[in-house]
Amino acid sequence: MILIAGPYRSGTNDDPVLMKRNVQEMESYALFIFRTGHIPLLGEWLALPLLELAGSRQVGDEAFNEIFHPIAVRLLEKCDAVLRVGGPSAGADEMVRVGRSLGLHIYNAVAEIPEFHP
């Protein structure tokens, strides 16, 4: 499993349209990762539905802070690698830092990801 880590809020001024675009940018790597034999993951795929269930009303509120980055950190405990994509992002950099501390492979480009054949 490879966690795709990139900007979510960075550079958006918390504009929902721009944050959605950031998610779509991260998702654009998922099919390639899948086709090389891995399982792609975005923390957003799990965090965003949970935020809605938790009653989050805006980015950065109590429910957001409880769920958004912590779920990605928990996912990293189950992952084999992190793919860091996109521009500046404190959150994505934190995922790389945590991934390194867990001994995960850190990739900075999809070309670095080897094919996996179980």
N, C-alpha and C. Protein backbone atom coordinates (compact mmCIF):
# COMPACT_ATOMS: atom_id res chain seq x y z
N MET A 1 0.84 -1.18 0.00
CA MET A 1 0.00 0.00 0.00
C MET A 1 0.89 1.24 0.00
N ILE A 2 0.52 2.17 -0.84
CA ILE A 2 1.28 3.41 -0.97
C ILE A 2 0.36 4.59 -0.70
N LEU A 3 0.69 5.36 0.32
CA LEU A 3 -0.05 6.58 0.64
C LEU A 3 0.45 7.70 -0.25
N ILE A 4 -0.48 8.33 -0.96
CA ILE A 4 -0.15 9.48 -1.80
C ILE A 4 -0.33 10.73 -0.94
N ALA A 5 0.75 11.45 -0.72
CA ALA A 5 0.74 12.63 0.15
C ALA A 5 1.08 13.86 -0.66
N GLY A 6 0.17 14.82 -0.64
CA GLY A 6 0.38 16.08 -1.34
C GLY A 6 -0.40 17.17 -0.66
N PRO A 7 -0.33 18.37 -1.20
CA PRO A 7 -1.07 19.48 -0.59
C PRO A 7 -2.58 19.24 -0.61
N TYR A 8 -3.22 19.58 0.48
CA TYR A 8 -4.69 19.61 0.53
C TYR A 8 -5.14 21.06 0.72
N ARG A 9 -4.73 21.66 1.83
CA ARG A 9 -5.11 23.05 2.10
C ARG A 9 -4.09 24.05 1.56
N SER A 10 -2.85 23.66 1.47
CA SER A 10 -1.77 24.59 1.11
C SER A 10 -2.09 25.35 -0.17
N GLY A 11 -1.96 26.66 -0.08
CA GLY A 11 -2.15 27.52 -1.25
C GLY A 11 -3.59 27.70 -1.68
N THR A 12 -4.55 27.25 -0.86
CA THR A 12 -5.96 27.32 -1.26
C THR A 12 -6.75 28.39 -0.53
N ASN A 13 -6.20 28.92 0.56
CA ASN A 13 -6.96 29.83 1.44
C ASN A 13 -8.27 29.15 1.86
N ASP A 14 -8.22 27.82 1.99
CA ASP A 14 -9.35 26.98 2.38
C ASP A 14 -10.54 27.07 1.42
N ASP A 15 -10.27 27.38 0.16
CA ASP A 15 -11.30 27.41 -0.87
C ASP A 15 -11.65 25.96 -1.23
N PRO A 16 -12.92 25.54 -1.05
CA PRO A 16 -13.28 24.14 -1.32
C PRO A 16 -13.00 23.70 -2.75
N VAL A 17 -13.15 24.58 -3.71
CA VAL A 17 -12.89 24.22 -5.11
C VAL A 17 -11.41 23.90 -5.30
N LEU A 18 -10.55 24.71 -4.71
CA LEU A 18 -9.10 24.49 -4.84
C LEU A 18 -8.65 23.26 -4.06
N MET A 19 -9.27 23.02 -2.90
CA MET A 19 -8.92 21.81 -2.13
C MET A 19 -9.36 20.57 -2.90
N LYS A 20 -10.52 20.62 -3.53
CA LYS A 20 -10.97 19.49 -4.35
C LYS A 20 -10.00 19.25 -5.50
N ARG A 21 -9.50 20.33 -6.09
CA ARG A 21 -8.52 20.21 -7.18
C ARG A 21 -7.25 19.54 -6.67
N ASN A 22 -6.84 19.87 -5.44
CA ASN A 22 -5.65 19.23 -4.87
C ASN A 22 -5.87 17.73 -4.68
N VAL A 23 -7.07 17.35 -4.25
CA VAL A 23 -7.37 15.92 -4.10
C VAL A 23 -7.32 15.25 -5.46
N GLN A 24 -7.90 15.89 -6.46
CA GLN A 24 -7.87 15.31 -7.81
C GLN A 24 -6.44 15.16 -8.33
N GLU A 25 -5.58 16.10 -7.99
CA GLU A 25 -4.16 15.99 -8.38
C GLU A 25 -3.54 14.75 -7.74
N MET A 26 -3.78 14.56 -6.44
CA MET A 26 -3.23 13.37 -5.78
C MET A 26 -3.83 12.10 -6.38
N GLU A 27 -5.12 12.12 -6.66
CA GLU A 27 -5.79 10.94 -7.24
C GLU A 27 -5.25 10.59 -8.62
N SER A 28 -4.71 11.58 -9.31
CA SER A 28 -4.22 11.32 -10.67
C SER A 28 -3.08 10.30 -10.69
N TYR A 29 -2.46 10.03 -9.55
CA TYR A 29 -1.37 9.06 -9.45
C TYR A 29 -1.87 7.66 -9.08
N ALA A 30 -3.11 7.56 -8.64
CA ALA A 30 -3.62 6.31 -8.07
C ALA A 30 -3.69 5.18 -9.09
N LEU A 31 -4.15 5.45 -10.28
CA LEU A 31 -4.29 4.38 -11.27
C LEU A 31 -2.93 3.81 -11.66
N PHE A 32 -1.95 4.67 -11.83
CA PHE A 32 -0.60 4.19 -12.14
C PHE A 32 -0.10 3.27 -11.02
N ILE A 33 -0.29 3.69 -9.79
CA ILE A 33 0.16 2.89 -8.65
C ILE A 33 -0.55 1.54 -8.65
N PHE A 34 -1.85 1.55 -8.90
CA PHE A 34 -2.60 0.30 -8.96
C PHE A 34 -2.08 -0.61 -10.07
N ARG A 35 -1.84 -0.02 -11.23
CA ARG A 35 -1.39 -0.82 -12.38
C ARG A 35 0.01 -1.36 -12.21
N THR A 36 0.79 -0.81 -11.29
CA THR A 36 2.11 -1.38 -11.02
C THR A 36 2.04 -2.45 -9.94
N GLY A 37 0.82 -2.79 -9.51
CA GLY A 37 0.65 -3.90 -8.58
C GLY A 37 0.49 -3.51 -7.12
N HIS A 38 0.40 -2.23 -6.85
CA HIS A 38 0.27 -1.75 -5.47
C HIS A 38 -1.16 -1.30 -5.20
N ILE A 39 -1.45 -0.97 -3.96
CA ILE A 39 -2.74 -0.40 -3.58
C ILE A 39 -2.52 1.07 -3.23
N PRO A 40 -3.12 1.98 -4.02
CA PRO A 40 -2.97 3.40 -3.72
C PRO A 40 -3.97 3.83 -2.65
N LEU A 41 -3.55 4.77 -1.82
CA LEU A 41 -4.42 5.32 -0.78
C LEU A 41 -4.21 6.82 -0.67
N LEU A 42 -5.28 7.53 -0.39
CA LEU A 42 -5.21 8.93 0.02
C LEU A 42 -5.88 9.01 1.38
N GLY A 43 -5.27 9.69 2.30
CA GLY A 43 -5.91 9.90 3.60
C GLY A 43 -7.26 10.57 3.44
N GLU A 44 -7.37 11.43 2.43
CA GLU A 44 -8.62 12.15 2.18
C GLU A 44 -9.78 11.21 1.87
N TRP A 45 -9.48 10.06 1.26
CA TRP A 45 -10.55 9.11 0.93
C TRP A 45 -11.26 8.60 2.19
N LEU A 46 -10.55 8.55 3.28
CA LEU A 46 -11.16 8.12 4.54
C LEU A 46 -11.53 9.31 5.42
N ALA A 47 -10.71 10.34 5.41
CA ALA A 47 -10.94 11.48 6.30
C ALA A 47 -12.19 12.27 5.93
N LEU A 48 -12.39 12.56 4.66
CA LEU A 48 -13.49 13.44 4.27
C LEU A 48 -14.87 12.87 4.65
N PRO A 49 -15.16 11.60 4.39
CA PRO A 49 -16.45 11.06 4.86
C PRO A 49 -16.58 11.08 6.38
N LEU A 50 -15.49 10.78 7.08
CA LEU A 50 -15.54 10.81 8.55
C LEU A 50 -15.78 12.22 9.07
N LEU A 51 -15.20 13.21 8.42
CA LEU A 51 -15.42 14.60 8.83
C LEU A 51 -16.90 14.96 8.73
N GLU A 52 -17.52 14.51 7.65
CA GLU A 52 -18.95 14.77 7.49
C GLU A 52 -19.74 14.09 8.60
N LEU A 53 -19.42 12.83 8.89
CA LEU A 53 -20.10 12.11 9.96
C LEU A 53 -19.88 12.75 11.32
N ALA A 54 -18.70 13.33 11.52
CA ALA A 54 -18.36 13.96 12.80
C ALA A 54 -18.97 15.34 12.94
N GLY A 55 -19.60 15.84 11.88
CA GLY A 55 -20.23 17.15 11.96
C GLY A 55 -19.30 18.32 11.72
N SER A 56 -18.17 18.07 11.08
CA SER A 56 -17.25 19.16 10.77
C SER A 56 -17.95 20.19 9.90
N ARG A 57 -17.81 21.45 10.26
CA ARG A 57 -18.47 22.53 9.52
C ARG A 57 -17.50 23.34 8.67
N GLN A 58 -16.21 23.29 9.05
CA GLN A 58 -15.21 24.02 8.28
C GLN A 58 -13.83 23.44 8.52
N VAL A 59 -12.98 23.64 7.54
CA VAL A 59 -11.61 23.18 7.64
C VAL A 59 -10.96 23.82 8.85
N GLY A 60 -10.31 22.99 9.66
CA GLY A 60 -9.62 23.49 10.84
C GLY A 60 -10.45 23.50 12.11
N ASP A 61 -11.72 23.08 12.02
CA ASP A 61 -12.51 23.04 13.25
C ASP A 61 -12.10 21.84 14.09
N GLU A 62 -12.74 21.67 15.22
CA GLU A 62 -12.33 20.63 16.17
C GLU A 62 -12.40 19.23 15.54
N ALA A 63 -13.49 18.93 14.84
CA ALA A 63 -13.62 17.61 14.21
C ALA A 63 -12.55 17.41 13.14
N PHE A 64 -12.27 18.44 12.36
CA PHE A 64 -11.23 18.36 11.33
C PHE A 64 -9.89 18.01 11.97
N ASN A 65 -9.55 18.74 13.01
CA ASN A 65 -8.25 18.51 13.66
C ASN A 65 -8.18 17.14 14.34
N GLU A 66 -9.32 16.64 14.79
CA GLU A 66 -9.37 15.32 15.41
C GLU A 66 -9.11 14.20 14.39
N ILE A 67 -9.55 14.42 13.15
CA ILE A 67 -9.59 13.33 12.17
C ILE A 67 -8.59 13.46 11.03
N PHE A 68 -8.45 14.64 10.44
CA PHE A 68 -7.81 14.76 9.13
C PHE A 68 -6.39 14.21 9.07
N HIS A 69 -5.46 14.75 9.82
CA HIS A 69 -4.09 14.22 9.78
C HIS A 69 -3.94 12.93 10.59
N PRO A 70 -4.63 12.82 11.74
CA PRO A 70 -4.47 11.57 12.49
C PRO A 70 -4.84 10.31 11.71
N ILE A 71 -5.85 10.38 10.85
CA ILE A 71 -6.20 9.16 10.11
C ILE A 71 -5.10 8.80 9.12
N ALA A 72 -4.46 9.80 8.53
CA ALA A 72 -3.36 9.52 7.61
C ALA A 72 -2.18 8.89 8.36
N VAL A 73 -1.92 9.37 9.56
CA VAL A 73 -0.84 8.79 10.36
C VAL A 73 -1.17 7.33 10.67
N ARG A 74 -2.41 7.04 11.03
CA ARG A 74 -2.81 5.66 11.30
C ARG A 74 -2.67 4.79 10.05
N LEU A 75 -3.04 5.35 8.90
CA LEU A 75 -2.88 4.61 7.65
C LEU A 75 -1.42 4.26 7.40
N LEU A 76 -0.54 5.18 7.70
CA LEU A 76 0.89 4.94 7.46
C LEU A 76 1.39 3.71 8.20
N GLU A 77 0.79 3.42 9.34
CA GLU A 77 1.18 2.23 10.09
C GLU A 77 0.85 0.94 9.35
N LYS A 78 0.00 1.03 8.33
CA LYS A 78 -0.39 -0.13 7.52
C LYS A 78 0.22 -0.10 6.12
N CYS A 79 0.90 0.99 5.78
CA CYS A 79 1.44 1.18 4.43
C CYS A 79 2.87 0.67 4.31
N ASP A 80 3.28 0.52 3.05
CA ASP A 80 4.65 0.13 2.74
C ASP A 80 5.48 1.31 2.25
N ALA A 81 4.78 2.36 1.78
CA ALA A 81 5.50 3.48 1.17
C ALA A 81 4.63 4.73 1.15
N VAL A 82 5.31 5.85 0.88
CA VAL A 82 4.66 7.14 0.69
C VAL A 82 5.14 7.69 -0.65
N LEU A 83 4.21 8.19 -1.44
CA LEU A 83 4.55 8.95 -2.64
C LEU A 83 4.25 10.41 -2.34
N ARG A 84 5.29 11.24 -2.29
CA ARG A 84 5.12 12.68 -2.02
C ARG A 84 4.99 13.39 -3.36
N VAL A 85 3.86 14.07 -3.55
CA VAL A 85 3.59 14.77 -4.80
C VAL A 85 3.23 16.23 -4.52
N GLY A 86 3.24 17.03 -5.59
CA GLY A 86 2.77 18.40 -5.48
C GLY A 86 3.76 19.34 -4.84
N GLY A 87 3.25 20.52 -4.54
CA GLY A 87 4.07 21.59 -4.00
C GLY A 87 4.17 21.58 -2.49
N PRO A 88 4.51 22.75 -1.94
CA PRO A 88 4.69 22.86 -0.50
C PRO A 88 3.45 22.43 0.28
N SER A 89 3.68 21.68 1.35
CA SER A 89 2.59 21.22 2.20
C SER A 89 3.16 20.71 3.50
N ALA A 90 2.84 21.40 4.59
CA ALA A 90 3.32 20.95 5.90
C ALA A 90 2.74 19.57 6.23
N GLY A 91 1.47 19.34 5.89
CA GLY A 91 0.85 18.05 6.18
C GLY A 91 1.48 16.91 5.40
N ALA A 92 1.72 17.13 4.10
CA ALA A 92 2.35 16.08 3.29
C ALA A 92 3.78 15.83 3.76
N ASP A 93 4.48 16.89 4.12
CA ASP A 93 5.83 16.71 4.65
C ASP A 93 5.81 15.93 5.97
N GLU A 94 4.77 16.14 6.76
CA GLU A 94 4.64 15.39 8.01
C GLU A 94 4.41 13.91 7.71
N MET A 95 3.63 13.60 6.67
CA MET A 95 3.41 12.20 6.30
C MET A 95 4.73 11.54 5.88
N VAL A 96 5.56 12.29 5.17
CA VAL A 96 6.88 11.78 4.78
C VAL A 96 7.74 11.54 6.02
N ARG A 97 7.71 12.50 6.94
CA ARG A 97 8.50 12.36 8.18
C ARG A 97 8.06 11.13 8.96
N VAL A 98 6.75 10.96 9.12
CA VAL A 98 6.23 9.81 9.84
C VAL A 98 6.56 8.52 9.09
N GLY A 99 6.40 8.55 7.78
CA GLY A 99 6.74 7.37 6.97
C GLY A 99 8.19 6.96 7.15
N ARG A 100 9.07 7.93 7.13
CA ARG A 100 10.50 7.62 7.35
C ARG A 100 10.72 7.01 8.73
N SER A 101 10.06 7.59 9.74
CA SER A 101 10.24 7.08 11.10
C SER A 101 9.74 5.64 11.24
N LEU A 102 8.80 5.27 10.37
CA LEU A 102 8.29 3.90 10.37
C LEU A 102 9.08 2.97 9.45
N GLY A 103 10.08 3.51 8.78
CA GLY A 103 10.91 2.71 7.88
C GLY A 103 10.29 2.45 6.52
N LEU A 104 9.32 3.28 6.12
CA LEU A 104 8.66 3.09 4.83
C LEU A 104 9.53 3.62 3.69
N HIS A 105 9.30 3.10 2.50
CA HIS A 105 9.93 3.65 1.31
C HIS A 105 9.30 5.02 1.04
N ILE A 106 10.12 5.98 0.66
CA ILE A 106 9.62 7.31 0.31
C ILE A 106 9.95 7.54 -1.15
N TYR A 107 8.92 7.79 -1.94
CA TYR A 107 9.10 8.06 -3.37
C TYR A 107 8.72 9.52 -3.64
N ASN A 108 9.48 10.15 -4.53
CA ASN A 108 9.20 11.53 -4.91
C ASN A 108 8.72 11.65 -6.35
N ALA A 109 8.60 10.51 -7.03
CA ALA A 109 8.10 10.48 -8.40
C ALA A 109 7.57 9.08 -8.66
N VAL A 110 6.54 8.97 -9.49
CA VAL A 110 5.99 7.64 -9.78
C VAL A 110 7.01 6.76 -10.47
N ALA A 111 7.94 7.35 -11.21
CA ALA A 111 8.97 6.56 -11.90
C ALA A 111 9.85 5.78 -10.92
N GLU A 112 9.89 6.21 -9.67
CA GLU A 112 10.69 5.52 -8.66
C GLU A 112 10.01 4.27 -8.11
N ILE A 113 8.71 4.13 -8.36
CA ILE A 113 7.94 3.03 -7.77
C ILE A 113 8.16 1.76 -8.60
N PRO A 114 8.68 0.72 -7.97
CA PRO A 114 8.91 -0.53 -8.72
C PRO A 114 7.59 -1.28 -8.92
N GLU A 115 7.56 -2.09 -9.97
CA GLU A 115 6.40 -2.95 -10.14
C GLU A 115 6.40 -4.00 -9.04
N PHE A 116 5.22 -4.38 -8.64
CA PHE A 116 5.07 -5.37 -7.58
C PHE A 116 4.28 -6.54 -8.14
N HIS A 117 4.85 -7.72 -7.98
CA HIS A 117 4.18 -8.95 -8.42
C HIS A 117 4.23 -9.94 -7.26
N PRO A 118 3.08 -10.11 -6.60
CA PRO A 118 3.07 -11.01 -5.42
C PRO A 118 3.33 -12.46 -5.81
